[in-house]
Amino acid sequence: MATDHLKRRAQALRRGQTTPEGLLWRVLRNRQLSRWKFRRQHPVDRFVVDFVTLDGKLIVEIDGATHATDEELKRDTVRTEILKSLGFHVVRVSNDDVRTNIDGVLNSILSELPTP
């Protein structure tokens, strides 16, 4: 169960979503991507992930320019390993891909989900 701190953080992130997050959310919400129910800015363990489908055990993270530094890349790697240890698969997409190739992003997400 998420702590109150993580719940508040998730709510704040939902209110202040980035443009790419908003674009992707428009096509993931309400089971628009096949049958999968996605949640946005959802607590998983000690993290708030950008998007997750709990049924599909898939987390989608949108990475912007701040994820290009060595320190951030190292943090992302550790975070991904922890989420994998919890049974999730993690897909990382860039802000630019969401803005310019949303169909490609959706195909990538679908390819990582289990087939019915």
PDB file of N, CA and C in Angstrom:
ATOM      1  N   MET A   1       0.848  -1.187   0.000  1.00  0.00           N
ATOM      2  CA  MET A   1       0.000   0.000   0.000  1.00  0.00           C
ATOM      3  C   MET A   1       0.892   1.248   0.000  1.00  0.00           C
ATOM      4  N   ALA A   2       0.487   2.215  -0.766  1.00  0.00           N
ATOM      5  CA  ALA A   2       1.279   3.434  -0.882  1.00  0.00           C
ATOM      6  C   ALA A   2       1.170   4.271   0.380  1.00  0.00           C
ATOM      7  N   THR A   3       2.277   4.880   0.734  1.00  0.00           N
ATOM      8  CA  THR A   3       2.261   5.772   1.890  1.00  0.00           C
ATOM      9  C   THR A   3       1.551   7.067   1.501  1.00  0.00           C
ATOM     10  N   ASP A   4       1.157   7.819   2.517  1.00  0.00           N
ATOM     11  CA  ASP A   4       0.505   9.103   2.249  1.00  0.00           C
ATOM     12  C   ASP A   4       1.414  10.016   1.444  1.00  0.00           C
ATOM     13  N   HIS A   5       2.707   9.966   1.758  1.00  0.00           N
ATOM     14  CA  HIS A   5       3.676  10.801   1.029  1.00  0.00           C
ATOM     15  C   HIS A   5       3.664  10.465  -0.462  1.00  0.00           C
ATOM     16  N   LEU A   6       3.689   9.173  -0.795  1.00  0.00           N
ATOM     17  CA  LEU A   6       3.679   8.777  -2.207  1.00  0.00           C
ATOM     18  C   LEU A   6       2.357   9.131  -2.880  1.00  0.00           C
ATOM     19  N   LYS A   7       1.267   8.994  -2.160  1.00  0.00           N
ATOM     20  CA  LYS A   7      -0.035   9.364  -2.724  1.00  0.00           C
ATOM     21  C   LYS A   7      -0.086  10.856  -3.043  1.00  0.00           C
ATOM     22  N   ARG A   8       0.409  11.680  -2.128  1.00  0.00           N
ATOM     23  CA  ARG A   8       0.427  13.129  -2.372  1.00  0.00           C
ATOM     24  C   ARG A   8       1.342  13.474  -3.536  1.00  0.00           C
ATOM     25  N   ARG A   9       2.484  12.811  -3.594  1.00  0.00           N
ATOM     26  CA  ARG A   9       3.428  13.041  -4.699  1.00  0.00           C
ATOM     27  C   ARG A   9       2.791  12.663  -6.035  1.00  0.00           C
ATOM     28  N   ALA A  10       2.104  11.526  -6.072  1.00  0.00           N
ATOM     29  CA  ALA A  10       1.438  11.073  -7.299  1.00  0.00           C
ATOM     30  C   ALA A  10       0.369  12.077  -7.732  1.00  0.00           C
ATOM     31  N   GLN A  11      -0.405  12.575  -6.783  1.00  0.00           N
ATOM     32  CA  GLN A  11      -1.437  13.560  -7.107  1.00  0.00           C
ATOM     33  C   GLN A  11      -0.821  14.827  -7.674  1.00  0.00           C
ATOM     34  N   ALA A  12       0.272  15.278  -7.076  1.00  0.00           N
ATOM     35  CA  ALA A  12       0.942  16.486  -7.554  1.00  0.00           C
ATOM     36  C   ALA A  12       1.491  16.277  -8.966  1.00  0.00           C
ATOM     37  N   LEU A  13       2.053  15.107  -9.221  1.00  0.00           N
ATOM     38  CA  LEU A  13       2.575  14.817 -10.555  1.00  0.00           C
ATOM     39  C   LEU A  13       1.455  14.751 -11.595  1.00  0.00           C
ATOM     40  N   ARG A  14       0.304  14.225 -11.216  1.00  0.00           N
ATOM     41  CA  ARG A  14      -0.829  14.184 -12.152  1.00  0.00           C
ATOM     42  C   ARG A  14      -1.290  15.601 -12.489  1.00  0.00           C
ATOM     43  N   ARG A  15      -1.337  16.464 -11.478  1.00  0.00           N
ATOM     44  CA  ARG A  15      -1.755  17.851 -11.721  1.00  0.00           C
ATOM     45  C   ARG A  15      -0.753  18.599 -12.594  1.00  0.00           C
ATOM     46  N   GLY A  16       0.526  18.292 -12.447  1.00  0.00           N
ATOM     47  CA  GLY A  16       1.558  19.016 -13.177  1.00  0.00           C
ATOM     48  C   GLY A  16       2.166  18.209 -14.316  1.00  0.00           C
ATOM     49  N   GLN A  17       1.359  17.383 -14.972  1.00  0.00           N
ATOM     50  CA  GLN A  17       1.908  16.516 -16.010  1.00  0.00           C
ATOM     51  C   GLN A  17       2.562  17.308 -17.140  1.00  0.00           C
ATOM     52  N   THR A  18       3.545  16.696 -17.761  1.00  0.00           N
ATOM     53  CA  THR A  18       4.221  17.307 -18.892  1.00  0.00           C
ATOM     54  C   THR A  18       3.375  17.120 -20.148  1.00  0.00           C
ATOM     55  N   THR A  19       3.694  17.862 -21.189  1.00  0.00           N
ATOM     56  CA  THR A  19       2.968  17.720 -22.451  1.00  0.00           C
ATOM     57  C   THR A  19       3.054  16.300 -22.994  1.00  0.00           C
ATOM     58  N   PRO A  20       4.240  15.669 -23.041  1.00  0.00           N
ATOM     59  CA  PRO A  20       4.285  14.284 -23.522  1.00  0.00           C
ATOM     60  C   PRO A  20       3.461  13.322 -22.659  1.00  0.00           C
ATOM     61  N   GLU A  21       3.456  13.526 -21.349  1.00  0.00           N
ATOM     62  CA  GLU A  21       2.632  12.678 -20.481  1.00  0.00           C
ATOM     63  C   GLU A  21       1.156  12.835 -20.835  1.00  0.00           C
ATOM     64  N   GLY A  22       0.730  14.050 -21.070  1.00  0.00           N
ATOM     65  CA  GLY A  22      -0.659  14.305 -21.444  1.00  0.00           C
ATOM     66  C   GLY A  22      -1.015  13.661 -22.778  1.00  0.00           C
ATOM     67  N   LEU A  23      -0.106  13.747 -23.740  1.00  0.00           N
ATOM     68  CA  LEU A  23      -0.341  13.134 -25.050  1.00  0.00           C
ATOM     69  C   LEU A  23      -0.492  11.624 -24.934  1.00  0.00           C
ATOM     70  N   LEU A  24       0.405  10.995 -24.185  1.00  0.00           N
ATOM     71  CA  LEU A  24       0.342   9.545 -24.047  1.00  0.00           C
ATOM     72  C   LEU A  24      -0.876   9.137 -23.228  1.00  0.00           C
ATOM     73  N   TRP A  25      -1.194   9.891 -22.204  1.00  0.00           N
ATOM     74  CA  TRP A  25      -2.344   9.553 -21.369  1.00  0.00           C
ATOM     75  C   TRP A  25      -3.641   9.573 -22.190  1.00  0.00           C
ATOM     76  N   ARG A  26      -3.753  10.500 -23.127  1.00  0.00           N
ATOM     77  CA  ARG A  26      -4.964  10.575 -23.952  1.00  0.00           C
ATOM     78  C   ARG A  26      -5.222   9.286 -24.714  1.00  0.00           C
ATOM     79  N   VAL A  27      -4.177   8.555 -25.056  1.00  0.00           N
ATOM     80  CA  VAL A  27      -4.373   7.320 -25.832  1.00  0.00           C
ATOM     81  C   VAL A  27      -4.287   6.056 -24.978  1.00  0.00           C
ATOM     82  N   LEU A  28      -3.879   6.189 -23.721  1.00  0.00           N
ATOM     83  CA  LEU A  28      -3.833   5.025 -22.836  1.00  0.00           C
ATOM     84  C   LEU A  28      -5.057   4.916 -21.926  1.00  0.00           C
ATOM     85  N   ARG A  29      -5.671   6.034 -21.621  1.00  0.00           N
ATOM     86  CA  ARG A  29      -6.748   6.028 -20.631  1.00  0.00           C
ATOM     87  C   ARG A  29      -7.990   5.314 -21.148  1.00  0.00           C
ATOM     88  N   ASN A  30      -8.816   4.900 -20.219  1.00  0.00           N
ATOM     89  CA  ASN A  30     -10.098   4.249 -20.524  1.00  0.00           C
ATOM     90  C   ASN A  30      -9.959   3.022 -21.423  1.00  0.00           C
ATOM     91  N   ARG A  31      -8.884   2.271 -21.219  1.00  0.00           N
ATOM     92  CA  ARG A  31      -8.685   1.006 -21.948  1.00  0.00           C
ATOM     93  C   ARG A  31      -8.653   1.197 -23.466  1.00  0.00           C
ATOM     94  N   GLN A  32      -8.154   2.339 -23.915  1.00  0.00           N
ATOM     95  CA  GLN A  32      -8.105   2.601 -25.352  1.00  0.00           C
ATOM     96  C   GLN A  32      -7.037   1.790 -26.066  1.00  0.00           C
ATOM     97  N   LEU A  33      -6.030   1.346 -25.355  1.00  0.00           N
ATOM     98  CA  LEU A  33      -4.976   0.532 -25.957  1.00  0.00           C
ATOM     99  C   LEU A  33      -5.325  -0.924 -25.689  1.00  0.00           C
ATOM    100  N   SER A  34      -5.966  -1.527 -26.669  1.00  0.00           N
ATOM    101  CA  SER A  34      -6.431  -2.899 -26.552  1.00  0.00           C
ATOM    102  C   SER A  34      -7.348  -2.975 -25.338  1.00  0.00           C
ATOM    103  N   ARG A  35      -7.141  -3.899 -24.452  1.00  0.00           N
ATOM    104  CA  ARG A  35      -8.012  -4.032 -23.270  1.00  0.00           C
ATOM    105  C   ARG A  35      -7.344  -3.541 -21.999  1.00  0.00           C
ATOM    106  N   TRP A  36      -6.150  -2.987 -22.105  1.00  0.00           N
ATOM    107  CA  TRP A  36      -5.321  -2.729 -20.931  1.00  0.00           C
ATOM    108  C   TRP A  36      -5.738  -1.482 -20.177  1.00  0.00           C
ATOM    109  N   LYS A  37      -5.872  -1.630 -18.872  1.00  0.00           N
ATOM    110  CA  LYS A  37      -6.170  -0.494 -18.000  1.00  0.00           C
ATOM    111  C   LYS A  37      -4.856   0.074 -17.476  1.00  0.00           C
ATOM    112  N   PHE A  38      -4.590   1.292 -17.856  1.00  0.00           N
ATOM    113  CA  PHE A  38      -3.391   1.982 -17.383  1.00  0.00           C
ATOM    114  C   PHE A  38      -3.766   2.983 -16.306  1.00  0.00           C
ATOM    115  N   ARG A  39      -2.826   3.177 -15.398  1.00  0.00           N
ATOM    116  CA  ARG A  39      -2.916   4.217 -14.378  1.00  0.00           C
ATOM    117  C   ARG A  39      -1.751   5.166 -14.628  1.00  0.00           C
ATOM    118  N   ARG A  40      -1.949   6.423 -14.322  1.00  0.00           N
ATOM    119  CA  ARG A  40      -0.842   7.377 -14.502  1.00  0.00           C
ATOM    120  C   ARG A  40      -0.380   7.875 -13.153  1.00  0.00           C
ATOM    121  N   GLN A  41       0.912   8.179 -13.095  1.00  0.00           N
ATOM    122  CA  GLN A  41       1.538   8.659 -11.859  1.00  0.00           C
ATOM    123  C   GLN A  41       1.035   7.823 -10.686  1.00  0.00           C
ATOM    124  N   HIS A  42       1.392   6.564 -10.723  1.00  0.00           N
ATOM    125  CA  HIS A  42       0.888   5.593  -9.754  1.00  0.00           C
ATOM    126  C   HIS A  42       2.032   5.073  -8.879  1.00  0.00           C
ATOM    127  N   PRO A  43       1.827   5.018  -7.558  1.00  0.00           N
ATOM    128  CA  PRO A  43       2.869   4.489  -6.678  1.00  0.00           C
ATOM    129  C   PRO A  43       3.080   2.985  -6.890  1.00  0.00           C
ATOM    130  N   VAL A  44       4.332   2.603  -7.059  1.00  0.00           N
ATOM    131  CA  VAL A  44       4.751   1.199  -7.099  1.00  0.00           C
ATOM    132  C   VAL A  44       5.979   1.107  -6.203  1.00  0.00           C
ATOM    133  N   ASP A  45       5.849   0.369  -5.126  1.00  0.00           N
ATOM    134  CA  ASP A  45       6.905   0.262  -4.129  1.00  0.00           C
ATOM    135  C   ASP A  45       7.238   1.666  -3.623  1.00  0.00           C
ATOM    136  N   ARG A  46       8.478   2.107  -3.740  1.00  0.00           N
ATOM    137  CA  ARG A  46       8.864   3.428  -3.229  1.00  0.00           C
ATOM    138  C   ARG A  46       8.903   4.495  -4.314  1.00  0.00           C
ATOM    139  N   PHE A  47       8.411   4.141  -5.511  1.00  0.00           N
ATOM    140  CA  PHE A  47       8.461   5.043  -6.662  1.00  0.00           C
ATOM    141  C   PHE A  47       7.062   5.448  -7.101  1.00  0.00           C
ATOM    142  N   VAL A  48       6.988   6.567  -7.809  1.00  0.00           N
ATOM    143  CA  VAL A  48       5.776   6.933  -8.530  1.00  0.00           C
ATOM    144  C   VAL A  48       6.146   6.800  -9.998  1.00  0.00           C
ATOM    145  N   VAL A  49       5.500   5.850 -10.685  1.00  0.00           N
ATOM    146  CA  VAL A  49       5.823   5.586 -12.087  1.00  0.00           C
ATOM    147  C   VAL A  49       4.893   6.397 -12.984  1.00  0.00           C
ATOM    148  N   ASP A  50       5.359   6.706 -14.192  1.00  0.00           N
ATOM    149  CA  ASP A  50       4.557   7.519 -15.106  1.00  0.00           C
ATOM    150  C   ASP A  50       3.253   6.818 -15.473  1.00  0.00           C
ATOM    151  N   PHE A  51       3.356   5.581 -15.978  1.00  0.00           N
ATOM    152  CA  PHE A  51       2.180   4.812 -16.365  1.00  0.00           C
ATOM    153  C   PHE A  51       2.408   3.352 -16.010  1.00  0.00           C
ATOM    154  N   VAL A  52       1.334   2.682 -15.591  1.00  0.00           N
ATOM    155  CA  VAL A  52       1.453   1.260 -15.273  1.00  0.00           C
ATOM    156  C   VAL A  52       0.142   0.561 -15.602  1.00  0.00           C
ATOM    157  N   THR A  53       0.250  -0.643 -16.131  1.00  0.00           N
ATOM    158  CA  THR A  53      -0.886  -1.540 -16.185  1.00  0.00           C
ATOM    159  C   THR A  53      -0.558  -2.675 -15.232  1.00  0.00           C
ATOM    160  N   LEU A  54      -1.319  -2.767 -14.166  1.00  0.00           N
ATOM    161  CA  LEU A  54      -1.049  -3.768 -13.150  1.00  0.00           C
ATOM    162  C   LEU A  54      -1.313  -5.170 -13.685  1.00  0.00           C
ATOM    163  N   ASP A  55      -2.364  -5.322 -14.481  1.00  0.00           N
ATOM    164  CA  ASP A  55      -2.677  -6.627 -15.072  1.00  0.00           C
ATOM    165  C   ASP A  55      -1.558  -7.111 -15.991  1.00  0.00           C
ATOM    166  N   GLY A  56      -1.007  -6.198 -16.775  1.00  0.00           N
ATOM    167  CA  GLY A  56       0.047  -6.556 -17.728  1.00  0.00           C
ATOM    168  C   GLY A  56       1.439  -6.504 -17.137  1.00  0.00           C
ATOM    169  N   LYS A  57       1.544  -6.045 -15.860  1.00  0.00           N
ATOM    170  CA  LYS A  57       2.846  -5.931 -15.180  1.00  0.00           C
ATOM    171  C   LYS A  57       3.841  -5.127 -16.027  1.00  0.00           C
ATOM    172  N   LEU A  58       3.344  -4.044 -16.636  1.00  0.00           N
ATOM    173  CA  LEU A  58       4.177  -3.200 -17.494  1.00  0.00           C
ATOM    174  C   LEU A  58       4.148  -1.764 -16.998  1.00  0.00           C
ATOM    175  N   ILE A  59       5.335  -1.184 -16.892  1.00  0.00           N
ATOM    176  CA  ILE A  59       5.506   0.212 -16.514  1.00  0.00           C
ATOM    177  C   ILE A  59       6.082   0.943 -17.717  1.00  0.00           C
ATOM    178  N   VAL A  60       5.510   2.111 -18.025  1.00  0.00           N
ATOM    179  CA  VAL A  60       6.006   2.955 -19.108  1.00  0.00           C
ATOM    180  C   VAL A  60       6.508   4.246 -18.476  1.00  0.00           C
ATOM    181  N   GLU A  61       7.775   4.540 -18.723  1.00  0.00           N
ATOM    182  CA  GLU A  61       8.388   5.764 -18.221  1.00  0.00           C
ATOM    183  C   GLU A  61       8.734   6.657 -19.400  1.00  0.00           C
ATOM    184  N   ILE A  62       8.375   7.935 -19.295  1.00  0.00           N
ATOM    185  CA  ILE A  62       8.728   8.914 -20.325  1.00  0.00           C
ATOM    186  C   ILE A  62       9.935   9.686 -19.817  1.00  0.00           C
ATOM    187  N   ASP A  63      10.988   9.656 -20.599  1.00  0.00           N
ATOM    188  CA  ASP A  63      12.230  10.308 -20.194  1.00  0.00           C
ATOM    189  C   ASP A  63      12.469  11.576 -21.001  1.00  0.00           C
ATOM    190  N   GLY A  64      12.750  12.655 -20.289  1.00  0.00           N
ATOM    191  CA  GLY A  64      13.093  13.923 -20.923  1.00  0.00           C
ATOM    192  C   GLY A  64      14.594  14.152 -20.876  1.00  0.00           C
ATOM    193  N   ALA A  65      14.979  15.372 -21.114  1.00  0.00           N
ATOM    194  CA  ALA A  65      16.393  15.729 -21.185  1.00  0.00           C
ATOM    195  C   ALA A  65      17.126  15.490 -19.873  1.00  0.00           C
ATOM    196  N   THR A  66      16.427  15.573 -18.754  1.00  0.00           N
ATOM    197  CA  THR A  66      17.101  15.386 -17.466  1.00  0.00           C
ATOM    198  C   THR A  66      17.570  13.952 -17.272  1.00  0.00           C
ATOM    199  N   HIS A  67      17.087  13.039 -18.078  1.00  0.00           N
ATOM    200  CA  HIS A  67      17.475  11.641 -17.942  1.00  0.00           C
ATOM    201  C   HIS A  67      18.713  11.307 -18.774  1.00  0.00           C
ATOM    202  N   ALA A  68      19.418  12.307 -19.245  1.00  0.00           N
ATOM    203  CA  ALA A  68      20.578  12.077 -20.102  1.00  0.00           C
ATOM    204  C   ALA A  68      21.908  12.184 -19.356  1.00  0.00           C
ATOM    205  N   THR A  69      21.884  12.676 -18.129  1.00  0.00           N
ATOM    206  CA  THR A  69      23.131  12.794 -17.390  1.00  0.00           C
ATOM    207  C   THR A  69      23.546  11.423 -16.854  1.00  0.00           C
ATOM    208  N   ASP A  70      24.828  11.250 -16.605  1.00  0.00           N
ATOM    209  CA  ASP A  70      25.322   9.979 -16.076  1.00  0.00           C
ATOM    210  C   ASP A  70      24.649   9.635 -14.749  1.00  0.00           C
ATOM    211  N   GLU A  71      24.483  10.628 -13.897  1.00  0.00           N
ATOM    212  CA  GLU A  71      23.858  10.400 -12.591  1.00  0.00           C
ATOM    213  C   GLU A  71      22.413   9.935 -12.749  1.00  0.00           C
ATOM    214  N   GLU A  72      21.662  10.590 -13.620  1.00  0.00           N
ATOM    215  CA  GLU A  72      20.268  10.203 -13.839  1.00  0.00           C
ATOM    216  C   GLU A  72      20.169   8.827 -14.494  1.00  0.00           C
ATOM    217  N   LEU A  73      21.047   8.542 -15.441  1.00  0.00           N
ATOM    218  CA  LEU A  73      21.037   7.225 -16.087  1.00  0.00           C
ATOM    219  C   LEU A  73      21.296   6.123 -15.065  1.00  0.00           C
ATOM    220  N   LYS A  74      22.210   6.385 -14.147  1.00  0.00           N
ATOM    221  CA  LYS A  74      22.512   5.415 -13.094  1.00  0.00           C
ATOM    222  C   LYS A  74      21.296   5.224 -12.184  1.00  0.00           C
ATOM    223  N   ARG A  75      20.653   6.325 -11.799  1.00  0.00           N
ATOM    224  CA  ARG A  75      19.442   6.241 -10.964  1.00  0.00           C
ATOM    225  C   ARG A  75      18.326   5.488 -11.674  1.00  0.00           C
ATOM    226  N   ASP A  76      18.158   5.767 -12.974  1.00  0.00           N
ATOM    227  CA  ASP A  76      17.128   5.071 -13.754  1.00  0.00           C
ATOM    228  C   ASP A  76      17.405   3.575 -13.824  1.00  0.00           C
ATOM    229  N   THR A  77      18.669   3.203 -13.950  1.00  0.00           N
ATOM    230  CA  THR A  77      19.036   1.786 -14.015  1.00  0.00           C
ATOM    231  C   THR A  77      18.698   1.088 -12.705  1.00  0.00           C
ATOM    232  N   VAL A  78      19.040   1.701 -11.593  1.00  0.00           N
ATOM    233  CA  VAL A  78      18.736   1.122 -10.278  1.00  0.00           C
ATOM    234  C   VAL A  78      17.225   1.013 -10.100  1.00  0.00           C
ATOM    235  N   ARG A  79      16.521   2.066 -10.432  1.00  0.00           N
ATOM    236  CA  ARG A  79      15.054   2.078 -10.317  1.00  0.00           C
ATOM    237  C   ARG A  79      14.447   0.960 -11.166  1.00  0.00           C
ATOM    238  N   THR A  80      14.915   0.817 -12.400  1.00  0.00           N
ATOM    239  CA  THR A  80      14.397  -0.219 -13.290  1.00  0.00           C
ATOM    240  C   THR A  80      14.656  -1.605 -12.715  1.00  0.00           C
ATOM    241  N   GLU A  81      15.828  -1.831 -12.174  1.00  0.00           N
ATOM    242  CA  GLU A  81      16.148  -3.142 -11.590  1.00  0.00           C
ATOM    243  C   GLU A  81      15.241  -3.461 -10.401  1.00  0.00           C
ATOM    244  N   ILE A  82      14.961  -2.463  -9.574  1.00  0.00           N
ATOM    245  CA  ILE A  82      14.064  -2.682  -8.437  1.00  0.00           C
ATOM    246  C   ILE A  82      12.664  -3.012  -8.933  1.00  0.00           C
ATOM    247  N   LEU A  83      12.173  -2.276  -9.918  1.00  0.00           N
ATOM    248  CA  LEU A  83      10.838  -2.538 -10.455  1.00  0.00           C
ATOM    249  C   LEU A  83      10.772  -3.910 -11.122  1.00  0.00           C
ATOM    250  N   LYS A  84      11.848  -4.300 -11.800  1.00  0.00           N
ATOM    251  CA  LYS A  84      11.898  -5.644 -12.401  1.00  0.00           C
ATOM    252  C   LYS A  84      11.853  -6.717 -11.317  1.00  0.00           C
ATOM    253  N   SER A  85      12.527  -6.476 -10.206  1.00  0.00           N
ATOM    254  CA  SER A  85      12.538  -7.461  -9.123  1.00  0.00           C
ATOM    255  C   SER A  85      11.143  -7.645  -8.520  1.00  0.00           C
ATOM    256  N   LEU A  86      10.261  -6.684  -8.749  1.00  0.00           N
ATOM    257  CA  LEU A  86       8.874  -6.767  -8.286  1.00  0.00           C
ATOM    258  C   LEU A  86       7.970  -7.428  -9.323  1.00  0.00           C
ATOM    259  N   GLY A  87       8.567  -7.854 -10.436  1.00  0.00           N
ATOM    260  CA  GLY A  87       7.809  -8.557 -11.462  1.00  0.00           C
ATOM    261  C   GLY A  87       7.314  -7.699 -12.613  1.00  0.00           C
ATOM    262  N   PHE A  88       7.727  -6.446 -12.667  1.00  0.00           N
ATOM    263  CA  PHE A  88       7.300  -5.551 -13.739  1.00  0.00           C
ATOM    264  C   PHE A  88       8.335  -5.527 -14.861  1.00  0.00           C
ATOM    265  N   HIS A  89       7.846  -5.297 -16.065  1.00  0.00           N
ATOM    266  CA  HIS A  89       8.720  -4.991 -17.194  1.00  0.00           C
ATOM    267  C   HIS A  89       8.649  -3.481 -17.356  1.00  0.00           C
ATOM    268  N   VAL A  90       9.769  -2.836 -17.637  1.00  0.00           N
ATOM    269  CA  VAL A  90       9.819  -1.384 -17.745  1.00  0.00           C
ATOM    270  C   VAL A  90      10.198  -0.995 -19.170  1.00  0.00           C
ATOM    271  N   VAL A  91       9.381  -0.134 -19.761  1.00  0.00           N
ATOM    272  CA  VAL A  91       9.651   0.413 -21.089  1.00  0.00           C
ATOM    273  C   VAL A  91       9.917   1.898 -20.914  1.00  0.00           C
ATOM    274  N   ARG A  92      11.007   2.354 -21.486  1.00  0.00           N
ATOM    275  CA  ARG A  92      11.341   3.783 -21.428  1.00  0.00           C
ATOM    276  C   ARG A  92      11.219   4.372 -22.827  1.00  0.00           C
ATOM    277  N   VAL A  93      10.511   5.488 -22.921  1.00  0.00           N
ATOM    278  CA  VAL A  93      10.365   6.194 -24.188  1.00  0.00           C
ATOM    279  C   VAL A  93      10.755   7.646 -23.960  1.00  0.00           C
ATOM    280  N   SER A  94      11.189   8.287 -25.005  1.00  0.00           N
ATOM    281  CA  SER A  94      11.619   9.679 -24.873  1.00  0.00           C
ATOM    282  C   SER A  94      10.455  10.637 -25.114  1.00  0.00           C
ATOM    283  N   ASN A  95      10.593  11.825 -24.568  1.00  0.00           N
ATOM    284  CA  ASN A  95       9.619  12.889 -24.841  1.00  0.00           C
ATOM    285  C   ASN A  95       9.444  13.079 -26.337  1.00  0.00           C
ATOM    286  N   ASP A  96      10.571  13.113 -27.069  1.00  0.00           N
ATOM    287  CA  ASP A  96      10.522  13.341 -28.517  1.00  0.00           C
ATOM    288  C   ASP A  96       9.749  12.248 -29.233  1.00  0.00           C
ATOM    289  N   ASP A  97       9.942  10.984 -28.831  1.00  0.00           N
ATOM    290  CA  ASP A  97       9.200   9.899 -29.469  1.00  0.00           C
ATOM    291  C   ASP A  97       7.697  10.058 -29.247  1.00  0.00           C
ATOM    292  N   VAL A  98       7.305  10.442 -28.048  1.00  0.00           N
ATOM    293  CA  VAL A  98       5.877  10.629 -27.772  1.00  0.00           C
ATOM    294  C   VAL A  98       5.329  11.751 -28.642  1.00  0.00           C
ATOM    295  N   ARG A  99       6.088  12.829 -28.784  1.00  0.00           N
ATOM    296  CA  ARG A  99       5.633  13.983 -29.570  1.00  0.00           C
ATOM    297  C   ARG A  99       5.580  13.684 -31.069  1.00  0.00           C
ATOM    298  N   THR A 100       6.561  12.940 -31.577  1.00  0.00           N
ATOM    299  CA  THR A 100       6.695  12.800 -33.035  1.00  0.00           C
ATOM    300  C   THR A 100       6.327  11.426 -33.578  1.00  0.00           C
ATOM    301  N   ASN A 101       6.209  10.418 -32.715  1.00  0.00           N
ATOM    302  CA  ASN A 101       5.961   9.061 -33.193  1.00  0.00           C
ATOM    303  C   ASN A 101       5.067   8.299 -32.220  1.00  0.00           C
ATOM    304  N   ILE A 102       3.908   8.857 -31.913  1.00  0.00           N
ATOM    305  CA  ILE A 102       3.030   8.242 -30.916  1.00  0.00           C
ATOM    306  C   ILE A 102       2.603   6.839 -31.345  1.00  0.00           C
ATOM    307  N   ASP A 103       2.388   6.626 -32.637  1.00  0.00           N
ATOM    308  CA  ASP A 103       2.005   5.289 -33.103  1.00  0.00           C
ATOM    309  C   ASP A 103       3.115   4.283 -32.837  1.00  0.00           C
ATOM    310  N   GLY A 104       4.355   4.679 -33.065  1.00  0.00           N
ATOM    311  CA  GLY A 104       5.492   3.805 -32.777  1.00  0.00           C
ATOM    312  C   GLY A 104       5.602   3.500 -31.286  1.00  0.00           C
ATOM    313  N   VAL A 105       5.343   4.498 -30.453  1.00  0.00           N
ATOM    314  CA  VAL A 105       5.372   4.306 -29.003  1.00  0.00           C
ATOM    315  C   VAL A 105       4.293   3.309 -28.595  1.00  0.00           C
ATOM    316  N   LEU A 106       3.095   3.478 -29.123  1.00  0.00           N
ATOM    317  CA  LEU A 106       1.994   2.568 -28.787  1.00  0.00           C
ATOM    318  C   LEU A 106       2.293   1.148 -29.252  1.00  0.00           C
ATOM    319  N   ASN A 107       2.878   1.005 -30.438  1.00  0.00           N
ATOM    320  CA  ASN A 107       3.261  -0.330 -30.921  1.00  0.00           C
ATOM    321  C   ASN A 107       4.311  -0.958 -30.019  1.00  0.00           C
ATOM    322  N   SER A 108       5.258  -0.159 -29.553  1.00  0.00           N
ATOM    323  CA  SER A 108       6.278  -0.667 -28.637  1.00  0.00           C
ATOM    324  C   SER A 108       5.654  -1.135 -27.328  1.00  0.00           C
ATOM    325  N   ILE A 109       4.717  -0.354 -26.818  1.00  0.00           N
ATOM    326  CA  ILE A 109       4.039  -0.731 -25.576  1.00  0.00           C
ATOM    327  C   ILE A 109       3.263  -2.027 -25.785  1.00  0.00           C
ATOM    328  N   LEU A 110       2.495  -2.101 -26.868  1.00  0.00           N
ATOM    329  CA  LEU A 110       1.708  -3.313 -27.149  1.00  0.00           C
ATOM    330  C   LEU A 110       2.590  -4.544 -27.289  1.00  0.00           C
ATOM    331  N   SER A 111       3.746  -4.357 -27.894  1.00  0.00           N
ATOM    332  CA  SER A 111       4.640  -5.519 -28.108  1.00  0.00           C
ATOM    333  C   SER A 111       5.196  -6.065 -26.789  1.00  0.00           C
ATOM    334  N   GLU A 112       5.163  -5.270 -25.738  1.00  0.00           N
ATOM    335  CA  GLU A 112       5.683  -5.701 -24.433  1.00  0.00           C
ATOM    336  C   GLU A 112       4.603  -6.306 -23.529  1.00  0.00           C
ATOM    337  N   LEU A 113       3.363  -6.204 -23.949  1.00  0.00           N
ATOM    338  CA  LEU A 113       2.259  -6.725 -23.154  1.00  0.00           C
ATOM    339  C   LEU A 113       1.981  -8.185 -23.522  1.00  0.00           C
ATOM    340  N   PRO A 114       1.550  -8.978 -22.540  1.00  0.00           N
ATOM    341  CA  PRO A 114       1.227 -10.375 -22.844  1.00  0.00           C
ATOM    342  C   PRO A 114       0.041 -10.468 -23.799  1.00  0.00           C
ATOM    343  N   THR A 115       0.077 -11.466 -24.647  1.00  0.00           N
ATOM    344  CA  THR A 115      -1.053 -11.671 -25.563  1.00  0.00           C
ATOM    345  C   THR A 115      -2.153 -12.437 -24.840  1.00  0.00           C
ATOM    346  N   PRO A 116      -3.398 -12.116 -25.156  1.00  0.00           N
ATOM    347  CA  PRO A 116      -4.512 -12.751 -24.441  1.00  0.00           C
ATOM    348  C   PRO A 116      -4.587 -14.256 -24.682  1.00  0.00           C
TER     349      PRO A 116
END
